[in-house]
Amino acid sequence: METSEIENLIKSAVELDELHVKFDGSQCKVIAVADMFGELSRVKKQQVVYAPLAEVINEGKIHAVTIKTFTTSEWQREKMFNLPL
């Protein structure tokens, strides 16, 4: 599975301002940025990003996922500490 395939799965299901994905063949790291995250609980934020990946995770194409979510204003403060992936 390629990084671009993972990005496409997430982007086709969730409207985001920014998406950063790093994939090393088994571990996937995702940073998702959208203002809608400000209205959601921590668990719901994770579920929104995880849901489009559930099938490929169940198939064993991705073994572990780390997800960080930010609103656009949070991302302006945090991006210096969270990039590059």
Protein backbone atom coordinates (compact mmCIF):
# COMPACT_ATOMS: atom_id res chain seq x y z
CA MET A 1 0.00 0.00 0.00
CA GLU A 2 1.30 3.44 -0.94
CA THR A 3 1.06 6.66 1.06
CA SER A 4 -0.99 8.23 -1.73
CA GLU A 5 -3.57 5.41 -1.47
CA ILE A 6 -3.97 6.05 2.25
CA GLU A 7 -4.32 9.79 1.63
CA ASN A 8 -6.98 9.13 -1.01
CA LEU A 9 -8.98 6.86 1.31
CA ILE A 10 -9.07 9.53 4.01
CA LYS A 11 -9.67 12.48 1.66
CA SER A 12 -12.55 10.73 -0.09
CA ALA A 13 -14.35 10.20 3.24
CA VAL A 14 -13.44 13.31 5.25
CA GLU A 15 -13.21 16.96 4.21
CA LEU A 16 -9.91 18.24 5.62
CA ASP A 17 -7.92 21.47 5.31
CA GLU A 18 -4.63 19.57 5.51
CA LEU A 19 -3.59 15.94 5.61
CA HIS A 20 -0.12 14.54 6.26
CA VAL A 21 0.54 10.81 6.06
CA LYS A 22 3.69 8.79 6.63
CA PHE A 23 3.66 5.06 5.96
CA ASP A 24 6.61 2.72 6.36
CA GLY A 25 4.97 -0.48 5.13
CA SER A 26 3.19 -1.38 8.36
CA GLN A 27 2.94 1.69 10.63
CA CYS A 28 0.87 4.64 9.47
CA LYS A 29 1.09 8.12 11.01
CA VAL A 30 -1.63 10.62 10.19
CA ILE A 31 -2.00 14.32 10.95
CA ALA A 32 -5.43 15.64 10.00
CA VAL A 33 -6.40 19.31 10.16
CA ALA A 34 -9.98 20.60 9.99
CA ASP A 35 -12.10 23.00 12.02
CA MET A 36 -14.76 20.32 12.53
CA PHE A 37 -12.42 18.62 15.03
CA GLY A 38 -13.06 21.46 17.48
CA GLU A 39 -16.64 20.22 17.92
CA LEU A 40 -15.78 16.55 18.49
CA SER A 41 -14.62 14.52 21.48
CA ARG A 42 -11.14 13.00 21.38
CA VAL A 43 -12.60 9.57 20.59
CA LYS A 44 -14.83 10.91 17.79
CA LYS A 45 -11.85 12.69 16.21
CA GLN A 46 -9.96 9.40 16.06
CA GLN A 47 -13.00 7.55 14.71
CA VAL A 48 -13.53 10.06 11.89
CA VAL A 49 -10.01 9.50 10.56
CA TYR A 50 -9.81 5.79 11.40
CA ALA A 51 -13.11 4.79 9.73
CA PRO A 52 -11.93 5.15 6.09
CA LEU A 53 -8.89 2.99 6.94
CA ALA A 54 -10.77 0.21 8.75
CA GLU A 55 -10.99 -2.10 5.75
CA VAL A 56 -7.29 -1.98 4.86
CA ILE A 57 -6.41 -2.39 8.54
CA ASN A 58 -8.66 -5.48 8.75
CA GLU A 59 -7.00 -6.82 5.60
CA GLY A 60 -3.59 -6.43 7.27
CA LYS A 61 -2.26 -3.87 4.80
CA ILE A 62 -1.75 -1.44 7.70
CA HIS A 63 -0.79 -2.85 11.09
CA ALA A 64 -0.75 0.23 13.31
CA VAL A 65 -2.15 3.75 13.01
CA THR A 66 -1.23 6.87 14.95
CA ILE A 67 -3.65 9.74 14.45
CA LYS A 68 -3.25 13.36 15.52
CA THR A 69 -6.04 15.81 14.81
CA PHE A 70 -6.00 19.59 14.98
CA THR A 71 -8.24 22.53 14.19
CA THR A 72 -6.65 25.06 11.83
CA SER A 73 -5.83 27.42 14.71
CA GLU A 74 -4.33 24.59 16.79
CA TRP A 75 -2.31 23.50 13.76
CA GLN A 76 -0.82 26.97 13.36
CA ARG A 77 0.69 26.59 16.85
CA GLU A 78 1.52 22.89 16.70
CA LYS A 79 2.91 22.33 13.22
CA MET A 80 6.46 23.30 14.14
CA PHE A 81 6.46 20.41 16.62
CA ASN A 82 4.61 17.84 14.49
CA LEU A 83 6.26 18.09 11.06
CA PRO A 84 7.80 16.52 9.18
CA LEU A 85 6.19 13.13 9.51
